[in-house]
Amino acid sequence: MKKTTLETKTLAPGPDSLPYLSLSFSLSLPPSSVNMFLRRKHSQNPQEIDSEQRDAKVNELRDAIGPLSGRSLKFCTDACLRRYLVARNWNVDKAKKMLEETLKWRATYKPEEIRWHEVAHEGETGKVSRANFHDLNGRTVLIMRPGKQNTAPSGEGNVRHLVYLLENSILNLAEGQEQTTWLIDFNGWTMTTNISMKTIREIVYVLQNHYPERLAVSILFNPPKFLQPIWKVVKYLMDPKTFEKVKFVYTKSKDSGEYMRSIIDIENLPTEFGGKATLNYDHEEFSRLMAEDDVKTAKFWGFDDKPSHQVADGHLEAAVAPVTAHLAPPAS
């Protein structure tokens, strides 16, 4: 194990910083993690290939992974295979290895079987929720408010809750769109509400290894200054392609408003992010919405008889709800 230690002695006092903050922590990283970052840093530009060659690569990857059945077959659409190829710069062998690892993970973790009632307690404060609007490109928007952390910061529940919402966000993508947008509001976030480094590492791993090319952009809005040394560690856990999608946006920056408006309609954008909309998380209403989506998910994956859970008078109860909306593209 390689031990990476970062230390910040002093941050200059000012209106946007904490005066004389001293922060020191360490994180043990396997050499492979650091080497992966350094190696990919110099080879992240994808091969320049035309559409015919890309189609050929998709077919080659499909032949390489061999016969599939059941949920694996449903998961491995041409679009899915293309995303894995893009994530590995169109290298079929590397994409095959990555995809096979995902299929093993999905067979064990079973993200498509997670139901809202199993993770609803994680979402009671609205720390992560799906917005009721898309961005200007038709991408589903996930809103994250880490200051509303309400469960054990190192608990598996945090990861499972996010995986559920990733699958749900993909289910609700606009037609022809494959990626999601993340808005992360750091209002109220402190070191005491921070999730553990172990959980952060697992979230990063799951996102970039099992949901490649599903993230369009992750906007960190007004992150506190003491996040910067933590970020210096986290970036070594990230593939450069994922790292480039993370944007730091500050209210006092003259370009922040223009940047946010280039992604989301100002009328839909919550005031927390510089927009005009009001962000009011209603857990009961959100639970009803998720219960309806659970039915769509079950129908797509072929277990229609698995009960959904709806909210009645603020309490979760088992029910099988009718399918009321057109099924979105598969969570692949």
Protein backbone atom coordinates (compact mmCIF):
# COMPACT_ATOMS: atom_id res chain seq x y z
CA MET A 1 0.00 0.00 0.00
CA LYS A 2 1.14 3.52 -0.79
CA LYS A 3 0.28 6.02 1.90
CA THR A 4 -0.66 9.44 0.59
CA THR A 5 -0.67 12.20 3.18
CA LEU A 6 -1.89 15.72 2.49
CA GLU A 7 -1.49 18.55 4.95
CA THR A 8 -2.72 22.11 4.87
CA LYS A 9 -1.21 24.40 7.49
CA THR A 10 -2.91 27.70 6.84
CA LEU A 11 -5.67 29.15 4.72
CA ALA A 12 -5.60 32.91 4.43
CA PRO A 13 -8.52 34.50 6.28
CA GLY A 14 -11.18 36.25 4.23
CA PRO A 15 -14.90 36.36 3.46
CA ASP A 16 -14.80 33.09 1.55
CA SER A 17 -12.51 31.06 3.76
CA LEU A 18 -12.13 29.85 7.28
CA PRO A 19 -9.32 31.67 9.08
CA TYR A 20 -6.18 29.69 9.80
CA LEU A 21 -7.71 26.29 9.24
CA SER A 22 -5.34 23.45 9.95
CA LEU A 23 -6.26 20.10 8.46
CA SER A 24 -4.22 16.95 8.09
CA PHE A 25 -5.30 13.47 7.10
CA SER A 26 -3.97 10.44 5.28
CA LEU A 27 -5.36 7.86 2.95
CA SER A 28 -3.84 4.53 2.03
CA LEU A 29 -4.04 3.95 -1.68
CA PRO A 30 -3.00 0.80 -3.51
CA PRO A 31 -0.16 1.56 -5.96
CA SER A 32 -2.46 0.45 -8.78
CA SER A 33 -4.84 3.36 -8.06
CA VAL A 34 -2.12 5.99 -8.34
CA ASN A 35 -0.51 4.28 -11.32
CA MET A 36 -3.89 4.04 -13.08
CA PHE A 37 -4.41 7.78 -12.68
CA LEU A 38 -0.94 8.66 -13.94
CA ARG A 39 -1.12 6.19 -16.83
CA ARG A 40 -4.52 7.30 -18.07
CA LYS A 41 -3.60 10.94 -17.63
CA HIS A 42 -1.44 10.64 -20.71
CA SER A 43 -3.77 8.45 -22.78
CA GLN A 44 -7.27 9.80 -22.29
CA ASN A 45 -7.92 11.02 -25.84
CA PRO A 46 -10.11 8.48 -27.64
CA GLN A 47 -9.05 7.01 -30.92
CA GLU A 48 -10.26 8.92 -33.92
CA ILE A 49 -12.54 6.43 -35.61
CA ASP A 50 -15.55 6.93 -37.83
CA SER A 51 -19.09 5.68 -37.26
CA GLU A 52 -18.57 2.53 -39.35
CA GLN A 53 -15.51 1.59 -37.30
CA ARG A 54 -17.40 2.25 -34.08
CA ASP A 55 -20.21 -0.06 -35.16
CA ALA A 56 -17.61 -2.70 -35.99
CA LYS A 57 -16.10 -2.30 -32.51
CA VAL A 58 -19.52 -2.79 -30.92
CA ASN A 59 -20.02 -6.01 -32.88
CA GLU A 60 -16.52 -7.15 -31.97
CA LEU A 61 -17.20 -6.55 -28.29
CA ARG A 62 -20.50 -8.41 -28.49
CA ASP A 63 -18.74 -11.40 -30.05
CA ALA A 64 -16.01 -11.19 -27.42
CA ILE A 65 -18.36 -11.37 -24.42
CA GLY A 66 -20.14 -14.38 -25.93
CA PRO A 67 -23.75 -15.55 -25.52
CA LEU A 68 -25.83 -13.79 -22.89
CA SER A 69 -29.25 -14.46 -21.44
CA GLY A 70 -31.79 -12.98 -19.07
CA ARG A 71 -31.02 -9.62 -17.54
CA SER A 72 -27.44 -9.59 -18.86
CA LEU A 73 -28.78 -9.78 -22.41
CA LYS A 74 -31.28 -7.02 -21.72
CA PHE A 75 -28.57 -4.87 -20.13
CA CYS A 76 -26.05 -5.25 -22.96
CA THR A 77 -27.70 -3.13 -25.63
CA ASP A 78 -25.59 -1.71 -28.43
CA ALA A 79 -25.71 1.67 -26.67
CA CYS A 80 -24.44 0.03 -23.47
CA LEU A 81 -21.55 -1.64 -25.26
CA ARG A 82 -20.69 1.64 -26.95
CA ARG A 83 -20.43 3.39 -23.58
CA TYR A 84 -18.01 0.79 -22.29
CA LEU A 85 -15.93 1.14 -25.44
CA VAL A 86 -15.85 4.92 -25.09
CA ALA A 87 -14.78 4.53 -21.45
CA ARG A 88 -11.86 2.41 -22.60
CA ASN A 89 -10.95 4.48 -25.66
CA TRP A 90 -12.44 1.88 -28.02
CA ASN A 91 -10.07 -0.84 -26.84
CA VAL A 92 -12.20 -3.99 -27.14
CA ASP A 93 -10.16 -6.10 -24.71
CA LYS A 94 -10.27 -3.46 -21.98
CA ALA A 95 -13.96 -2.76 -22.57
CA LYS A 96 -14.68 -6.51 -22.38
CA LYS A 97 -12.93 -6.79 -19.02
CA MET A 98 -14.77 -3.75 -17.69
CA LEU A 99 -18.16 -4.98 -18.90
CA GLU A 100 -17.63 -8.48 -17.51
CA GLU A 101 -16.82 -6.97 -14.10
CA THR A 102 -20.05 -4.97 -14.25
CA LEU A 103 -22.10 -8.02 -15.16
CA LYS A 104 -20.64 -9.86 -12.17
CA TRP A 105 -21.38 -6.88 -9.93
CA ARG A 106 -24.97 -6.57 -11.17
CA ALA A 107 -25.54 -10.30 -10.69
CA THR A 108 -24.47 -9.95 -7.05
CA TYR A 109 -25.60 -6.44 -6.11
CA LYS A 110 -28.82 -6.63 -8.15
CA PRO A 111 -29.34 -2.85 -8.49
CA GLU A 112 -32.47 -3.37 -10.60
CA GLU A 113 -34.13 -5.15 -7.66
CA ILE A 114 -33.63 -2.34 -5.13
CA ARG A 115 -36.98 -0.84 -4.21
CA TRP A 116 -37.64 2.58 -2.75
CA HIS A 117 -39.07 1.26 0.51
CA GLU A 118 -35.69 -0.39 1.15
CA VAL A 119 -33.76 2.88 0.96
CA ALA A 120 -36.46 5.47 1.72
CA HIS A 121 -35.08 6.15 5.21
CA GLU A 122 -31.85 7.35 3.59
CA GLY A 123 -33.78 9.95 1.64
CA GLU A 124 -35.97 11.38 4.41
CA THR A 125 -34.01 14.64 4.54
CA GLY A 126 -33.71 15.00 0.78
CA LYS A 127 -29.93 14.58 0.79
CA VAL A 128 -30.17 13.03 -2.70
CA SER A 129 -33.22 13.28 -4.92
CA ARG A 130 -34.20 13.34 -8.57
CA ALA A 131 -35.27 16.78 -9.76
CA ASN A 132 -38.69 17.23 -11.36
CA PHE A 133 -37.04 18.80 -14.42
CA HIS A 134 -34.42 17.90 -17.03
CA ASP A 135 -31.47 20.05 -18.01
CA LEU A 136 -31.37 21.86 -21.36
CA ASN A 137 -30.12 18.69 -23.06
CA GLY A 138 -32.88 16.46 -21.71
CA ARG A 139 -30.68 14.89 -19.07
CA THR A 140 -32.08 13.74 -15.74
CA VAL A 141 -30.88 15.93 -12.86
CA LEU A 142 -29.85 14.55 -9.48
CA ILE A 143 -29.76 17.07 -6.63
CA MET A 144 -27.42 16.29 -3.76
CA ARG A 145 -27.27 18.15 -0.46
CA PRO A 146 -24.51 16.57 1.65
CA GLY A 147 -25.29 18.96 4.51
CA LYS A 148 -28.48 16.94 5.05
CA GLN A 149 -26.63 13.69 5.74
CA ASN A 150 -28.87 11.76 8.14
CA THR A 151 -27.41 8.27 8.52
CA ALA A 152 -24.10 6.68 9.44
CA PRO A 153 -21.54 8.33 7.12
CA SER A 154 -19.73 5.04 6.55
CA GLY A 155 -22.89 3.00 6.09
CA GLU A 156 -23.60 0.88 3.03
CA GLY A 157 -27.02 2.51 2.94
CA ASN A 158 -25.55 5.68 1.44
CA VAL A 159 -24.16 3.76 -1.52
CA ARG A 160 -27.27 1.65 -1.99
CA HIS A 161 -29.49 4.74 -1.90
CA LEU A 162 -27.37 6.44 -4.57
CA VAL A 163 -27.31 3.31 -6.75
CA TYR A 164 -31.10 3.18 -6.58
CA LEU A 165 -31.36 6.80 -7.69
CA LEU A 166 -28.82 6.27 -10.47
CA GLU A 167 -30.95 3.46 -11.86
CA ASN A 168 -34.06 5.60 -11.45
CA SER A 169 -32.42 8.59 -13.16
CA ILE A 170 -31.50 6.44 -16.14
CA LEU A 171 -35.07 5.15 -16.27
CA ASN A 172 -36.28 8.74 -16.56
CA LEU A 173 -33.89 10.02 -19.22
CA ALA A 174 -35.41 11.86 -22.14
CA GLU A 175 -35.51 9.90 -25.39
CA GLY A 176 -32.12 9.75 -27.06
CA GLN A 177 -30.25 10.91 -23.95
CA GLU A 178 -27.85 8.67 -22.01
CA GLN A 179 -26.29 10.87 -19.35
CA THR A 180 -27.25 12.56 -16.10
CA THR A 181 -26.39 15.90 -14.49
CA TRP A 182 -25.53 16.22 -10.80
CA LEU A 183 -26.09 19.41 -8.79
CA ILE A 184 -24.35 19.29 -5.41
CA ASP A 185 -25.28 22.02 -2.94
CA PHE A 186 -22.77 22.38 -0.09
CA ASN A 187 -24.90 24.72 2.01
CA GLY A 188 -24.78 23.49 5.60
CA TRP A 189 -22.05 20.96 4.92
CA THR A 190 -19.44 20.60 7.63
CA MET A 191 -16.76 18.10 8.54
CA THR A 192 -19.24 16.50 10.95
CA THR A 193 -21.80 15.86 8.19
CA ASN A 194 -19.21 14.60 5.73
CA ILE A 195 -19.50 11.00 4.58
CA SER A 196 -16.48 8.81 5.16
CA MET A 197 -13.60 8.52 2.72
CA LYS A 198 -14.39 4.82 2.43
CA THR A 199 -17.91 5.63 1.23
CA ILE A 200 -16.63 8.29 -1.18
CA ARG A 201 -14.18 5.80 -2.61
CA GLU A 202 -16.91 3.20 -3.11
CA ILE A 203 -19.25 5.72 -4.75
CA VAL A 204 -16.52 6.83 -7.17
CA TYR A 205 -15.68 3.21 -7.95
CA VAL A 206 -19.30 2.23 -8.64
CA LEU A 207 -19.98 5.30 -10.77
CA GLN A 208 -16.99 5.09 -13.06
CA ASN A 209 -16.70 1.32 -13.29
CA HIS A 210 -20.34 0.25 -13.49
CA TYR A 211 -22.01 3.36 -14.94
CA PRO A 212 -19.48 4.54 -17.52
CA GLU A 213 -20.44 7.55 -19.61
CA ARG A 214 -23.58 8.05 -17.53
CA LEU A 215 -22.35 11.28 -15.94
CA ALA A 216 -22.42 14.40 -18.09
CA VAL A 217 -21.33 16.88 -15.43
CA SER A 218 -21.16 17.07 -11.64
CA ILE A 219 -21.43 20.64 -10.38
CA LEU A 220 -20.05 21.30 -6.90
CA PHE A 221 -21.80 24.54 -5.90
CA ASN A 222 -20.06 26.71 -3.30
CA PRO A 223 -17.91 23.95 -1.79
CA PRO A 224 -16.17 25.09 1.42
CA LYS A 225 -12.47 25.77 1.35
CA PHE A 226 -11.70 22.84 3.63
CA LEU A 227 -12.94 20.49 0.90
CA GLN A 228 -9.94 21.35 -1.27
CA PRO A 229 -7.35 19.13 0.49
CA ILE A 230 -9.87 16.27 0.57
CA TRP A 231 -10.46 16.76 -3.14
CA LYS A 232 -6.72 16.45 -3.79
CA VAL A 233 -6.96 12.90 -2.45
CA VAL A 234 -10.27 12.00 -4.09
CA LYS A 235 -9.04 12.95 -7.57
CA TYR A 236 -6.48 10.14 -7.42
CA LEU A 237 -9.35 7.68 -7.11
CA MET A 238 -10.98 8.98 -10.27
CA ASP A 239 -10.50 8.14 -13.90
CA PRO A 240 -9.38 11.33 -15.72
CA LYS A 241 -12.54 11.25 -17.82
CA THR A 242 -14.67 11.36 -14.68
CA PHE A 243 -12.41 13.95 -13.09
CA GLU A 244 -12.88 16.32 -16.03
CA LYS A 245 -16.66 16.22 -15.55
CA VAL A 246 -16.45 17.68 -12.03
CA LYS A 247 -16.89 21.45 -11.98
CA PHE A 248 -16.41 23.80 -9.04
CA VAL A 249 -18.85 26.72 -9.20
CA TYR A 250 -18.91 29.66 -6.77
CA THR A 251 -21.70 32.23 -6.42
CA LYS A 252 -19.26 35.14 -6.32
CA SER A 253 -17.64 34.14 -9.59
CA LYS A 254 -18.92 36.37 -12.39
CA ASP A 255 -18.99 33.39 -14.74
CA SER A 256 -20.97 31.07 -12.46
CA GLY A 257 -24.42 32.39 -13.39
CA GLU A 258 -23.71 32.20 -17.09
CA TYR A 259 -22.34 28.67 -16.73
CA MET A 260 -25.37 27.44 -14.78
CA ARG A 261 -27.77 29.00 -17.29
CA SER A 262 -25.96 27.20 -20.10
CA ILE A 263 -26.94 23.88 -18.51
CA ILE A 264 -30.34 24.41 -16.87
CA ASP A 265 -33.27 26.73 -17.57
CA ILE A 266 -33.09 29.52 -15.00
CA GLU A 267 -36.82 29.09 -14.30
CA ASN A 268 -36.21 25.47 -13.25
CA LEU A 269 -32.91 26.01 -11.48
CA PRO A 270 -33.34 26.17 -7.67
CA THR A 271 -32.32 29.40 -5.94
CA GLU A 272 -29.63 27.40 -4.11
CA PHE A 273 -27.85 27.20 -7.45
CA GLY A 274 -28.55 30.74 -8.59
CA GLY A 275 -31.91 30.12 -10.28
CA LYS A 276 -35.48 31.22 -9.68
CA ALA A 277 -37.18 27.99 -8.59
CA THR A 278 -37.92 26.95 -5.02
CA LEU A 279 -36.48 23.64 -3.89
CA ASN A 280 -38.89 22.00 -1.46
CA TYR A 281 -38.27 18.31 -0.91
CA ASP A 282 -41.50 16.51 0.00
CA HIS A 283 -40.54 13.02 1.14
CA GLU A 284 -44.07 11.65 0.98
CA GLU A 285 -44.66 12.91 -2.55
CA PHE A 286 -41.23 11.75 -3.71
CA SER A 287 -41.94 8.32 -2.23
CA ARG A 288 -45.15 8.07 -4.26
CA LEU A 289 -43.24 8.93 -7.41
CA MET A 290 -40.56 6.35 -6.69
CA ALA A 291 -43.21 3.68 -5.99
CA GLU A 292 -44.69 4.29 -9.44
CA ASP A 293 -41.26 4.08 -11.03
CA ASP A 294 -40.56 0.83 -9.16
CA VAL A 295 -43.42 -0.73 -11.10
CA LYS A 296 -41.94 0.42 -14.40
CA THR A 297 -38.56 -0.97 -13.38
CA ALA A 298 -40.03 -4.32 -12.39
CA LYS A 299 -41.98 -4.59 -15.63
CA PHE A 300 -38.93 -3.89 -17.76
CA TRP A 301 -36.70 -6.41 -15.99
CA GLY A 302 -39.39 -9.06 -16.04
CA PHE A 303 -40.59 -9.44 -12.47
CA ASP A 304 -43.96 -7.72 -12.63
CA ASP A 305 -45.19 -9.61 -9.59
CA LYS A 306 -42.65 -7.99 -7.26
CA PRO A 307 -44.72 -5.59 -5.12
CA SER A 308 -44.16 -1.89 -5.22
CA HIS A 309 -44.57 0.22 -2.12
CA GLN A 310 -46.69 3.32 -1.95
CA VAL A 311 -47.21 5.92 0.71
CA ALA A 312 -50.51 6.20 2.53
CA ASP A 313 -50.91 8.79 5.26
CA GLY A 314 -47.15 9.11 5.50
CA HIS A 315 -46.55 5.38 5.91
CA LEU A 316 -45.17 2.86 3.45
CA GLU A 317 -47.44 -0.01 2.56
CA ALA A 318 -47.18 -2.82 0.03
CA ALA A 319 -49.17 -2.43 -3.16
CA VAL A 320 -49.01 -3.34 -6.81
CA ALA A 321 -49.60 -0.15 -8.76
CA PRO A 322 -50.60 -0.02 -12.40
CA VAL A 323 -48.10 0.96 -15.04
CA THR A 324 -49.04 4.52 -15.93
CA ALA A 325 -46.10 5.78 -18.00
CA HIS A 326 -44.14 4.76 -21.04
CA LEU A 327 -41.07 2.73 -20.14
CA ALA A 328 -37.84 4.67 -20.58
CA PRO A 329 -34.64 3.13 -21.98
CA PRO A 330 -33.11 0.37 -19.85
CA ALA A 331 -30.71 1.15 -17.03
CA SER A 332 -27.64 0.08 -18.97
